[in-house]
Amino acid sequence: MMKKLSPRHAVIPAVECVACGTCVDVCPREAVSIYKGSYAQVNDEICVGCGNCARECPASIIRLEARR
């Protein structure tokens, strides 16, 4: 049985991310991680689109998008 995903998810542009880790700290599902110390990335299978990361991002680069 396939797990139903939330209708939206977080998107973090790697070229703008400075890997501060704020999004990692505020994600209640542990869906965000820092990739090789360079930028944050979202595990789309875990992200529920709560928006915590987007609200708390000091650079305001994280956005929520509808899943395709």
Protein backbone atom coordinates (compact mmCIF):
# COMPACT_ATOMS: atom_id res chain seq x y z
CA MET A 1 0.00 0.00 0.00
CA MET A 2 1.37 3.40 -0.99
CA LYS A 3 1.65 6.12 1.66
CA LYS A 4 -0.35 9.27 0.88
CA LEU A 5 1.84 12.37 0.69
CA SER A 6 0.80 15.83 1.82
CA PRO A 7 -0.34 18.22 -0.94
CA ARG A 8 2.66 20.52 -0.52
CA HIS A 9 6.34 20.28 0.37
CA ALA A 10 9.29 22.54 1.14
CA VAL A 11 11.71 23.55 -1.60
CA ILE A 12 15.16 24.87 -0.74
CA PRO A 13 17.27 26.35 -3.56
CA ALA A 14 20.75 24.91 -3.03
CA VAL A 15 22.54 27.85 -4.65
CA GLU A 16 21.02 30.31 -2.14
CA CYS A 17 21.28 28.17 1.00
CA VAL A 18 24.13 28.89 3.41
CA ALA A 19 23.59 25.71 5.49
CA CYS A 20 22.90 27.56 8.72
CA GLY A 21 20.85 24.60 9.98
CA THR A 22 17.83 26.53 11.22
CA CYS A 23 15.49 24.50 9.01
CA VAL A 24 16.98 21.27 10.32
CA ASP A 25 16.38 22.40 13.91
CA VAL A 26 12.72 23.41 13.41
CA CYS A 27 11.53 20.50 11.26
CA PRO A 28 9.24 18.34 13.42
CA ARG A 29 9.60 15.36 11.06
CA GLU A 30 13.39 15.48 10.59
CA ALA A 31 12.79 15.84 6.85
CA VAL A 32 15.58 18.38 6.32
CA SER A 33 19.30 17.69 6.44
CA ILE A 34 22.49 19.51 5.52
CA TYR A 35 24.11 17.93 2.48
CA LYS A 36 27.90 17.68 2.69
CA GLY A 37 28.00 20.83 4.82
CA SER A 38 26.99 22.93 1.81
CA TYR A 39 23.20 23.32 1.68
CA ALA A 40 19.96 22.00 3.13
CA GLN A 41 17.93 19.41 1.32
CA VAL A 42 14.41 18.10 1.93
CA ASN A 43 13.37 14.46 1.93
CA ASP A 44 10.09 14.76 0.03
CA GLU A 45 8.85 11.43 1.32
CA ILE A 46 8.97 12.71 4.90
CA CYS A 47 8.10 16.42 4.48
CA VAL A 48 4.49 17.23 5.41
CA GLY A 49 4.59 20.84 4.25
CA CYS A 50 4.05 22.33 7.72
CA GLY A 51 6.01 25.48 6.79
CA ASN A 52 8.16 25.68 9.93
CA CYS A 53 11.34 25.78 7.86
CA ALA A 54 10.03 28.50 5.55
CA ARG A 55 8.86 30.66 8.46
CA GLU A 56 12.14 30.35 10.36
CA CYS A 57 14.67 30.55 7.49
CA PRO A 58 16.82 33.63 8.23
CA ALA A 59 17.48 34.11 4.50
CA SER A 60 13.77 33.67 3.56
CA ILE A 61 14.67 31.36 0.67
CA ILE A 62 12.54 28.32 1.53
CA ARG A 63 9.17 28.11 -0.14
CA LEU A 64 6.27 25.68 -0.02
CA GLU A 65 5.07 24.30 -3.33
CA ALA A 66 2.32 21.99 -4.42
CA ARG A 67 3.50 18.49 -5.18
CA ARG A 68 3.48 17.51 -8.81
